[in-house]
All heavy atoms as atom14 arrays in JSON, in Angstrom:
{
  "sequence": "EPGEEREISLEVKLIADVGLVGYPNAGKSTLLSRSSAATPKIA",
  "atom14_mask": [
    [1, 1, 1, 1, 1, 1, 1, 1, 1, 0, 0, 0, 0, 0],
    [1, 1, 1, 1, 1, 1, 1, 0, 0, 0, 0, 0, 0, 0],
    [1, 1, 1, 1, 0, 0, 0, 0, 0, 0, 0, 0, 0, 0],
    [1, 1, 1, 1, 1, 1, 1, 1, 1, 0, 0, 0, 0, 0],
    [1, 1, 1, 1, 1, 1, 1, 1, 1, 0, 0, 0, 0, 0],
    [1, 1, 1, 1, 1, 1, 1, 1, 1, 1, 1, 0, 0, 0],
    [1, 1, 1, 1, 1, 1, 1, 1, 1, 0, 0, 0, 0, 0],
    [1, 1, 1, 1, 1, 1, 1, 1, 0, 0, 0, 0, 0, 0],
    [1, 1, 1, 1, 1, 1, 0, 0, 0, 0, 0, 0, 0, 0],
    [1, 1, 1, 1, 1, 1, 1, 1, 0, 0, 0, 0, 0, 0],
    [1, 1, 1, 1, 1, 1, 1, 1, 1, 0, 0, 0, 0, 0],
    [1, 1, 1, 1, 1, 1, 1, 0, 0, 0, 0, 0, 0, 0],
    [1, 1, 1, 1, 1, 1, 1, 1, 1, 0, 0, 0, 0, 0],
    [1, 1, 1, 1, 1, 1, 1, 1, 0, 0, 0, 0, 0, 0],
    [1, 1, 1, 1, 1, 1, 1, 1, 0, 0, 0, 0, 0, 0],
    [1, 1, 1, 1, 1, 0, 0, 0, 0, 0, 0, 0, 0, 0],
    [1, 1, 1, 1, 1, 1, 1, 1, 0, 0, 0, 0, 0, 0],
    [1, 1, 1, 1, 1, 1, 1, 0, 0, 0, 0, 0, 0, 0],
    [1, 1, 1, 1, 0, 0, 0, 0, 0, 0, 0, 0, 0, 0],
    [1, 1, 1, 1, 1, 1, 1, 1, 0, 0, 0, 0, 0, 0],
    [1, 1, 1, 1, 1, 1, 1, 0, 0, 0, 0, 0, 0, 0],
    [1, 1, 1, 1, 0, 0, 0, 0, 0, 0, 0, 0, 0, 0],
    [1, 1, 1, 1, 1, 1, 1, 1, 1, 1, 1, 1, 0, 0],
    [1, 1, 1, 1, 1, 1, 1, 0, 0, 0, 0, 0, 0, 0],
    [1, 1, 1, 1, 1, 1, 1, 1, 0, 0, 0, 0, 0, 0],
    [1, 1, 1, 1, 1, 0, 0, 0, 0, 0, 0, 0, 0, 0],
    [1, 1, 1, 1, 0, 0, 0, 0, 0, 0, 0, 0, 0, 0],
    [1, 1, 1, 1, 1, 1, 1, 1, 1, 0, 0, 0, 0, 0],
    [1, 1, 1, 1, 1, 1, 0, 0, 0, 0, 0, 0, 0, 0],
    [1, 1, 1, 1, 1, 1, 1, 0, 0, 0, 0, 0, 0, 0],
    [1, 1, 1, 1, 1, 1, 1, 1, 0, 0, 0, 0, 0, 0],
    [1, 1, 1, 1, 1, 1, 1, 1, 0, 0, 0, 0, 0, 0],
    [1, 1, 1, 1, 1, 1, 0, 0, 0, 0, 0, 0, 0, 0],
    [1, 1, 1, 1, 1, 1, 1, 1, 1, 1, 1, 0, 0, 0],
    [1, 1, 1, 1, 1, 1, 0, 0, 0, 0, 0, 0, 0, 0],
    [1, 1, 1, 1, 1, 1, 0, 0, 0, 0, 0, 0, 0, 0],
    [1, 1, 1, 1, 1, 0, 0, 0, 0, 0, 0, 0, 0, 0],
    [1, 1, 1, 1, 1, 0, 0, 0, 0, 0, 0, 0, 0, 0],
    [1, 1, 1, 1, 1, 1, 1, 0, 0, 0, 0, 0, 0, 0],
    [1, 1, 1, 1, 1, 1, 1, 0, 0, 0, 0, 0, 0, 0],
    [1, 1, 1, 1, 1, 1, 1, 1, 1, 0, 0, 0, 0, 0],
    [1, 1, 1, 1, 1, 1, 1, 1, 0, 0, 0, 0, 0, 0],
    [1, 1, 1, 1, 1, 0, 0, 0, 0, 0, 0, 0, 0, 0]
  ],
  "atom14_positions": [
    [[18.92, -12.6, 35.31], [18.04, -11.41, 35.14], [16.83, -11.84, 34.3], [17.06, -12.44, 33.2], [18.66, -10.24, 34.56], [17.76, -9.0, 34.49], [18.51, -7.8, 33.76], [19.38, -8.12, 33.06], [17.92, -6.74, 33.89], [0.0, 0.0, 0.0], [0.0, 0.0, 0.0], [0.0, 0.0, 0.0], [0.0, 0.0, 0.0], [0.0, 0.0, 0.0]],
    [[15.52, -11.63, 34.66], [14.51, -11.87, 33.75], [14.59, -11.02, 32.4], [15.01, -9.9, 32.42], [13.33, -11.44, 34.5], [13.68, -11.48, 35.96], [15.15, -11.03, 35.89], [0.0, 0.0, 0.0], [0.0, 0.0, 0.0], [0.0, 0.0, 0.0], [0.0, 0.0, 0.0], [0.0, 0.0, 0.0], [0.0, 0.0, 0.0], [0.0, 0.0, 0.0]],
    [[14.17, -11.74, 31.3], [14.22, -10.92, 30.11], [13.06, -9.87, 29.99], [12.01, -10.17, 30.67], [0.0, 0.0, 0.0], [0.0, 0.0, 0.0], [0.0, 0.0, 0.0], [0.0, 0.0, 0.0], [0.0, 0.0, 0.0], [0.0, 0.0, 0.0], [0.0, 0.0, 0.0], [0.0, 0.0, 0.0], [0.0, 0.0, 0.0], [0.0, 0.0, 0.0]],
    [[13.16, -8.93, 29.17], [12.08, -8.0, 29.14], [10.89, -8.65, 28.43], [11.03, -9.47, 27.57], [12.64, -6.72, 28.31], [13.55, -5.83, 28.97], [14.0, -4.76, 28.13], [13.79, -4.71, 26.86], [14.48, -3.76, 28.72], [0.0, 0.0, 0.0], [0.0, 0.0, 0.0], [0.0, 0.0, 0.0], [0.0, 0.0, 0.0], [0.0, 0.0, 0.0]],
    [[9.74, -8.08, 28.8], [8.49, -8.54, 28.22], [7.58, -7.31, 27.98], [7.36, -6.41, 28.78], [7.76, -9.43, 29.08], [6.55, -10.2, 28.51], [5.96, -11.32, 29.31], [6.6, -11.49, 30.49], [5.0, -12.04, 28.83], [0.0, 0.0, 0.0], [0.0, 0.0, 0.0], [0.0, 0.0, 0.0], [0.0, 0.0, 0.0], [0.0, 0.0, 0.0]],
    [[7.01, -7.26, 26.78], [6.19, -6.12, 26.48], [5.2, -6.47, 25.34], [5.36, -7.5, 24.6], [7.0, -4.85, 26.08], [7.62, -4.99, 24.74], [8.68, -3.96, 24.46], [8.52, -2.65, 24.9], [9.56, -1.73, 24.99], [10.72, -2.0, 24.35], [9.34, -0.64, 25.45], [0.0, 0.0, 0.0], [0.0, 0.0, 0.0], [0.0, 0.0, 0.0]],
    [[4.15, -5.62, 25.27], [3.23, -5.84, 24.19], [3.48, -4.61, 23.08], [3.48, -3.39, 23.55], [1.79, -5.81, 24.77], [0.69, -6.2, 23.85], [-0.64, -6.46, 24.54], [-0.77, -5.92, 25.68], [-1.53, -7.01, 23.92], [0.0, 0.0, 0.0], [0.0, 0.0, 0.0], [0.0, 0.0, 0.0], [0.0, 0.0, 0.0], [0.0, 0.0, 0.0]],
    [[3.57, -4.98, 21.94], [3.78, -3.93, 20.99], [2.75, -4.09, 19.84], [2.18, -5.05, 19.6], [5.15, -4.16, 20.43], [5.42, -5.44, 19.58], [6.34, -3.9, 21.4], [6.63, -5.63, 18.85], [0.0, 0.0, 0.0], [0.0, 0.0, 0.0], [0.0, 0.0, 0.0], [0.0, 0.0, 0.0], [0.0, 0.0, 0.0], [0.0, 0.0, 0.0]],
    [[2.54, -2.94, 19.11], [1.65, -2.83, 18.08], [2.51, -2.58, 16.8], [3.44, -1.74, 16.89], [0.5, -1.78, 18.21], [1.07, -0.6, 18.44], [0.0, 0.0, 0.0], [0.0, 0.0, 0.0], [0.0, 0.0, 0.0], [0.0, 0.0, 0.0], [0.0, 0.0, 0.0], [0.0, 0.0, 0.0], [0.0, 0.0, 0.0], [0.0, 0.0, 0.0]],
    [[2.13, -3.24, 15.68], [2.92, -2.99, 14.33], [1.89, -2.54, 13.35], [0.84, -2.89, 13.3], [3.5, -4.35, 13.87], [4.35, -5.17, 14.9], [4.77, -6.45, 14.34], [5.57, -4.27, 15.16], [0.0, 0.0, 0.0], [0.0, 0.0, 0.0], [0.0, 0.0, 0.0], [0.0, 0.0, 0.0], [0.0, 0.0, 0.0], [0.0, 0.0, 0.0]],
    [[2.43, -1.67, 12.53], [1.62, -0.95, 11.51], [2.37, -0.76, 10.31], [3.5, -0.1, 10.32], [1.13, 0.39, 11.99], [0.24, 1.23, 11.13], [-0.31, 2.55, 11.76], [-0.93, 2.51, 12.81], [0.1, 3.52, 11.29], [0.0, 0.0, 0.0], [0.0, 0.0, 0.0], [0.0, 0.0, 0.0], [0.0, 0.0, 0.0], [0.0, 0.0, 0.0]],
    [[1.98, -1.19, 9.2], [2.65, -1.08, 7.94], [2.27, -0.03, 7.13], [0.94, 0.14, 6.92], [2.59, -2.5, 7.11], [3.28, -2.34, 5.76], [3.02, -3.69, 7.89], [0.0, 0.0, 0.0], [0.0, 0.0, 0.0], [0.0, 0.0, 0.0], [0.0, 0.0, 0.0], [0.0, 0.0, 0.0], [0.0, 0.0, 0.0], [0.0, 0.0, 0.0]],
    [[3.18, 0.84, 6.71], [2.74, 1.93, 5.76], [3.68, 1.63, 4.57], [4.96, 1.77, 4.69], [3.1, 3.26, 6.33], [2.21, 3.63, 7.55], [2.51, 5.06, 8.08], [1.66, 5.43, 9.24], [1.9, 6.8, 9.72], [0.0, 0.0, 0.0], [0.0, 0.0, 0.0], [0.0, 0.0, 0.0], [0.0, 0.0, 0.0], [0.0, 0.0, 0.0]],
    [[3.08, 1.4, 3.42], [3.93, 1.2, 2.21], [4.77, 2.41, 1.9], [4.24, 3.54, 2.11], [2.98, 0.87, 1.09], [2.13, -0.33, 1.14], [1.29, -0.59, -0.14], [3.09, -1.69, 1.39], [0.0, 0.0, 0.0], [0.0, 0.0, 0.0], [0.0, 0.0, 0.0], [0.0, 0.0, 0.0], [0.0, 0.0, 0.0], [0.0, 0.0, 0.0]],
    [[5.92, 2.05, 1.38], [6.76, 3.21, 1.06], [6.8, 3.36, -0.46], [7.14, 2.48, -1.29], [8.31, 2.83, 1.52], [8.22, 2.77, 3.05], [9.21, 3.91, 1.05], [9.55, 2.32, 3.67], [0.0, 0.0, 0.0], [0.0, 0.0, 0.0], [0.0, 0.0, 0.0], [0.0, 0.0, 0.0], [0.0, 0.0, 0.0], [0.0, 0.0, 0.0]],
    [[6.39, 4.53, -0.9], [6.37, 4.87, -2.35], [6.63, 6.35, -2.47], [6.64, 7.14, -1.58], [4.97, 4.6, -2.85], [0.0, 0.0, 0.0], [0.0, 0.0, 0.0], [0.0, 0.0, 0.0], [0.0, 0.0, 0.0], [0.0, 0.0, 0.0], [0.0, 0.0, 0.0], [0.0, 0.0, 0.0], [0.0, 0.0, 0.0], [0.0, 0.0, 0.0]],
    [[7.25, 6.64, -3.76], [7.59, 8.02, -4.01], [6.28, 8.89, -4.35], [6.19, 9.97, -3.8], [8.48, 7.99, -5.3], [9.89, 7.4, -5.02], [10.55, 7.73, -3.97], [10.26, 6.46, -5.71], [0.0, 0.0, 0.0], [0.0, 0.0, 0.0], [0.0, 0.0, 0.0], [0.0, 0.0, 0.0], [0.0, 0.0, 0.0], [0.0, 0.0, 0.0]],
    [[5.43, 8.24, -5.12], [4.24, 8.9, -5.51], [2.97, 8.15, -5.12], [2.99, 6.76, -5.43], [4.31, 9.19, -7.06], [2.99, 9.98, -7.37], [5.52, 10.06, -7.39], [0.0, 0.0, 0.0], [0.0, 0.0, 0.0], [0.0, 0.0, 0.0], [0.0, 0.0, 0.0], [0.0, 0.0, 0.0], [0.0, 0.0, 0.0], [0.0, 0.0, 0.0]],
    [[1.97, 8.7, -4.67], [0.68, 7.98, -4.32], [-0.42, 8.49, -5.27], [-0.57, 9.64, -5.53], [0.0, 0.0, 0.0], [0.0, 0.0, 0.0], [0.0, 0.0, 0.0], [0.0, 0.0, 0.0], [0.0, 0.0, 0.0], [0.0, 0.0, 0.0], [0.0, 0.0, 0.0], [0.0, 0.0, 0.0], [0.0, 0.0, 0.0], [0.0, 0.0, 0.0]],
    [[-1.21, 7.4, -5.74], [-2.33, 7.76, -6.59], [-3.5, 7.85, -5.68], [-3.84, 6.9, -4.94], [-2.56, 6.66, -7.57], [-1.55, 6.54, -8.7], [-1.87, 5.23, -9.56], [-1.63, 7.71, -9.65], [0.0, 0.0, 0.0], [0.0, 0.0, 0.0], [0.0, 0.0, 0.0], [0.0, 0.0, 0.0], [0.0, 0.0, 0.0], [0.0, 0.0, 0.0]],
    [[-4.26, 9.01, -5.67], [-5.38, 9.11, -4.78], [-6.65, 9.55, -5.66], [-6.42, 10.08, -6.61], [-5.23, 10.12, -3.65], [-4.1, 9.68, -2.72], [-4.85, 11.56, -4.28], [0.0, 0.0, 0.0], [0.0, 0.0, 0.0], [0.0, 0.0, 0.0], [0.0, 0.0, 0.0], [0.0, 0.0, 0.0], [0.0, 0.0, 0.0], [0.0, 0.0, 0.0]],
    [[-7.84, 9.25, -5.19], [-9.05, 9.54, -5.88], [-10.21, 8.77, -5.26], [-9.98, 7.89, -4.54], [0.0, 0.0, 0.0], [0.0, 0.0, 0.0], [0.0, 0.0, 0.0], [0.0, 0.0, 0.0], [0.0, 0.0, 0.0], [0.0, 0.0, 0.0], [0.0, 0.0, 0.0], [0.0, 0.0, 0.0], [0.0, 0.0, 0.0], [0.0, 0.0, 0.0]],
    [[-11.41, 9.09, -5.85], [-12.55, 8.39, -5.47], [-12.55, 6.96, -6.06], [-11.92, 6.81, -7.07], [-13.87, 9.25, -5.82], [-14.22, 9.99, -4.61], [-13.61, 11.23, -4.27], [-15.34, 9.66, -3.78], [-13.93, 12.0, -3.25], [-15.82, 10.41, -2.8], [-15.06, 11.66, -2.47], [-15.53, 12.31, -1.36], [0.0, 0.0, 0.0], [0.0, 0.0, 0.0]],
    [[-13.35, 6.13, -5.58], [-13.4, 4.73, -6.09], [-13.95, 4.87, -7.55], [-14.64, 5.77, -7.93], [-14.62, 4.04, -5.26], [-14.52, 4.79, -3.96], [-14.19, 6.14, -4.22], [0.0, 0.0, 0.0], [0.0, 0.0, 0.0], [0.0, 0.0, 0.0], [0.0, 0.0, 0.0], [0.0, 0.0, 0.0], [0.0, 0.0, 0.0], [0.0, 0.0, 0.0]],
    [[-13.29, 3.91, -8.38], [-13.65, 3.85, -9.82], [-13.09, 4.98, -10.6], [-13.58, 5.21, -11.71], [-15.23, 3.74, -10.03], [-15.52, 2.72, -11.1], [-14.67, 1.94, -11.45], [-16.72, 2.86, -11.69], [0.0, 0.0, 0.0], [0.0, 0.0, 0.0], [0.0, 0.0, 0.0], [0.0, 0.0, 0.0], [0.0, 0.0, 0.0], [0.0, 0.0, 0.0]],
    [[-12.06, 5.81, -10.09], [-11.55, 6.87, -10.9], [-10.63, 6.42, -11.77], [-10.26, 7.22, -12.78], [-10.94, 7.87, -9.9], [0.0, 0.0, 0.0], [0.0, 0.0, 0.0], [0.0, 0.0, 0.0], [0.0, 0.0, 0.0], [0.0, 0.0, 0.0], [0.0, 0.0, 0.0], [0.0, 0.0, 0.0], [0.0, 0.0, 0.0], [0.0, 0.0, 0.0]],
    [[-10.09, 5.19, -11.82], [-9.18, 4.7, -12.82], [-7.68, 4.57, -12.29], [-6.83, 4.52, -13.09], [0.0, 0.0, 0.0], [0.0, 0.0, 0.0], [0.0, 0.0, 0.0], [0.0, 0.0, 0.0], [0.0, 0.0, 0.0], [0.0, 0.0, 0.0], [0.0, 0.0, 0.0], [0.0, 0.0, 0.0], [0.0, 0.0, 0.0], [0.0, 0.0, 0.0]],
    [[-7.66, 4.62, -10.94], [-6.19, 4.57, -10.36], [-5.46, 3.28, -10.82], [-4.33, 3.2, -11.22], [-6.25, 4.85, -8.94], [-6.83, 6.12, -8.47], [-6.84, 6.36, -6.91], [-7.65, 5.34, -6.1], [-8.98, 5.27, -6.59], [0.0, 0.0, 0.0], [0.0, 0.0, 0.0], [0.0, 0.0, 0.0], [0.0, 0.0, 0.0], [0.0, 0.0, 0.0]],
    [[-6.21, 2.13, -10.57], [-5.54, 0.9, -10.77], [-5.26, 0.67, -12.34], [-4.15, 0.14, -12.72], [-6.42, -0.27, -10.46], [-6.6, -0.31, -9.01], [0.0, 0.0, 0.0], [0.0, 0.0, 0.0], [0.0, 0.0, 0.0], [0.0, 0.0, 0.0], [0.0, 0.0, 0.0], [0.0, 0.0, 0.0], [0.0, 0.0, 0.0], [0.0, 0.0, 0.0]],
    [[-6.05, 1.17, -13.2], [-5.84, 1.22, -14.58], [-4.59, 1.91, -14.93], [-3.74, 1.57, -15.81], [-7.03, 1.6, -15.4], [-8.2, 0.94, -14.98], [-6.8, 1.43, -16.89], [0.0, 0.0, 0.0], [0.0, 0.0, 0.0], [0.0, 0.0, 0.0], [0.0, 0.0, 0.0], [0.0, 0.0, 0.0], [0.0, 0.0, 0.0], [0.0, 0.0, 0.0]],
    [[-4.39, 3.18, -14.36], [-3.28, 4.06, -14.46], [-2.04, 3.38, -14.0], [-0.94, 3.43, -14.64], [-3.55, 5.39, -13.86], [-2.46, 6.36, -13.93], [-2.15, 6.72, -15.39], [-2.77, 7.66, -13.23], [0.0, 0.0, 0.0], [0.0, 0.0, 0.0], [0.0, 0.0, 0.0], [0.0, 0.0, 0.0], [0.0, 0.0, 0.0], [0.0, 0.0, 0.0]],
    [[-2.17, 2.67, -12.93], [-0.86, 2.01, -12.4], [-0.5, 0.83, -13.37], [0.74, 0.68, -13.63], [-1.26, 1.28, -10.97], [-0.13, 0.56, -10.3], [1.02, 1.5, -9.98], [-0.61, -0.21, -9.13], [0.0, 0.0, 0.0], [0.0, 0.0, 0.0], [0.0, 0.0, 0.0], [0.0, 0.0, 0.0], [0.0, 0.0, 0.0], [0.0, 0.0, 0.0]],
    [[-1.37, 0.09, -13.75], [-1.14, -1.03, -14.77], [-0.55, -0.51, -16.02], [0.28, -1.12, -16.81], [-2.27, -1.87, -15.01], [-3.3, -1.19, -15.68], [0.0, 0.0, 0.0], [0.0, 0.0, 0.0], [0.0, 0.0, 0.0], [0.0, 0.0, 0.0], [0.0, 0.0, 0.0], [0.0, 0.0, 0.0], [0.0, 0.0, 0.0], [0.0, 0.0, 0.0]],
    [[-1.1, 0.74, -16.59], [-0.56, 1.26, -17.86], [0.76, 1.83, -17.61], [1.62, 1.75, -18.6], [-1.65, 2.43, -18.14], [-1.11, 3.27, -19.29], [-1.0, 2.66, -20.6], [-2.29, 2.13, -21.17], [-2.46, 1.53, -22.3], [-1.37, 1.28, -22.97], [-3.59, 1.01, -22.65], [0.0, 0.0, 0.0], [0.0, 0.0, 0.0], [0.0, 0.0, 0.0]],
    [[1.15, 2.4, -16.51], [2.35, 3.03, -16.37], [3.54, 2.2, -15.69], [4.7, 2.58, -15.71], [2.24, 4.28, -15.5], [1.68, 4.03, -14.25], [0.0, 0.0, 0.0], [0.0, 0.0, 0.0], [0.0, 0.0, 0.0], [0.0, 0.0, 0.0], [0.0, 0.0, 0.0], [0.0, 0.0, 0.0], [0.0, 0.0, 0.0], [0.0, 0.0, 0.0]],
    [[3.19, 1.01, -15.36], [4.28, 0.24, -14.61], [3.89, -1.26, -15.01], [2.91, -1.53, -15.77], [4.21, 0.35, -13.17], [2.97, -0.2, -12.59], [0.0, 0.0, 0.0], [0.0, 0.0, 0.0], [0.0, 0.0, 0.0], [0.0, 0.0, 0.0], [0.0, 0.0, 0.0], [0.0, 0.0, 0.0], [0.0, 0.0, 0.0], [0.0, 0.0, 0.0]],
    [[4.67, -2.2, -14.38], [4.49, -3.59, -14.72], [3.52, -4.29, -13.68], [3.37, -5.53, -13.73], [5.77, -4.4, -14.71], [0.0, 0.0, 0.0], [0.0, 0.0, 0.0], [0.0, 0.0, 0.0], [0.0, 0.0, 0.0], [0.0, 0.0, 0.0], [0.0, 0.0, 0.0], [0.0, 0.0, 0.0], [0.0, 0.0, 0.0], [0.0, 0.0, 0.0]],
    [[2.95, -3.41, -12.81], [2.06, -3.89, -11.86], [0.8, -4.47, -12.49], [0.28, -3.95, -13.56], [1.76, -2.99, -10.85], [0.0, 0.0, 0.0], [0.0, 0.0, 0.0], [0.0, 0.0, 0.0], [0.0, 0.0, 0.0], [0.0, 0.0, 0.0], [0.0, 0.0, 0.0], [0.0, 0.0, 0.0], [0.0, 0.0, 0.0], [0.0, 0.0, 0.0]],
    [[0.14, -5.57, -11.86], [-0.99, -6.1, -12.48], [-2.09, -6.17, -11.36], [-2.47, -7.15, -10.86], [-0.77, -7.5, -12.98], [-0.23, -8.24, -11.9], [0.27, -7.54, -14.03], [0.0, 0.0, 0.0], [0.0, 0.0, 0.0], [0.0, 0.0, 0.0], [0.0, 0.0, 0.0], [0.0, 0.0, 0.0], [0.0, 0.0, 0.0], [0.0, 0.0, 0.0]],
    [[-2.7, -5.05, -10.95], [-3.71, -4.96, -9.96], [-5.04, -5.49, -10.52], [-5.28, -5.51, -11.78], [-3.81, -3.48, -9.58], [-3.47, -2.75, -10.79], [-2.32, -3.62, -11.38], [0.0, 0.0, 0.0], [0.0, 0.0, 0.0], [0.0, 0.0, 0.0], [0.0, 0.0, 0.0], [0.0, 0.0, 0.0], [0.0, 0.0, 0.0], [0.0, 0.0, 0.0]],
    [[-5.93, -5.93, -9.64], [-7.18, -6.25, -10.19], [-8.04, -5.09, -10.57], [-8.08, -4.11, -9.84], [-7.97, -7.07, -9.0], [-9.34, -7.55, -9.4], [-10.0, -8.27, -8.13], [-11.37, -8.68, -8.51], [-12.05, -9.35, -7.39], [0.0, 0.0, 0.0], [0.0, 0.0, 0.0], [0.0, 0.0, 0.0], [0.0, 0.0, 0.0], [0.0, 0.0, 0.0]],
    [[-8.63, -5.27, -11.69], [-9.4, -4.04, -12.29], [-10.77, -4.57, -12.73], [-11.03, -5.63, -13.38], [-8.68, -3.45, -13.55], [-7.21, -3.06, -13.04], [-9.38, -2.34, -14.19], [-6.39, -2.58, -14.3], [0.0, 0.0, 0.0], [0.0, 0.0, 0.0], [0.0, 0.0, 0.0], [0.0, 0.0, 0.0], [0.0, 0.0, 0.0], [0.0, 0.0, 0.0]],
    [[-11.74, -3.81, -12.34], [-13.1, -4.01, -12.74], [-13.89, -2.68, -12.64], [-13.52, -1.76, -12.11], [-13.82, -5.07, -11.8], [0.0, 0.0, 0.0], [0.0, 0.0, 0.0], [0.0, 0.0, 0.0], [0.0, 0.0, 0.0], [0.0, 0.0, 0.0], [0.0, 0.0, 0.0], [0.0, 0.0, 0.0], [0.0, 0.0, 0.0], [0.0, 0.0, 0.0]]
  ]
}
């Protein structure tokens, strides 16, 4: 029997308990680095 063949699309959604939202330059990355061990790029 021929094997199945199909085209699929993949989409990654990060899994987190809490999300930081806000306008650009509101200080989200700084808050993340202050409250956790993450080291995002900040400027």
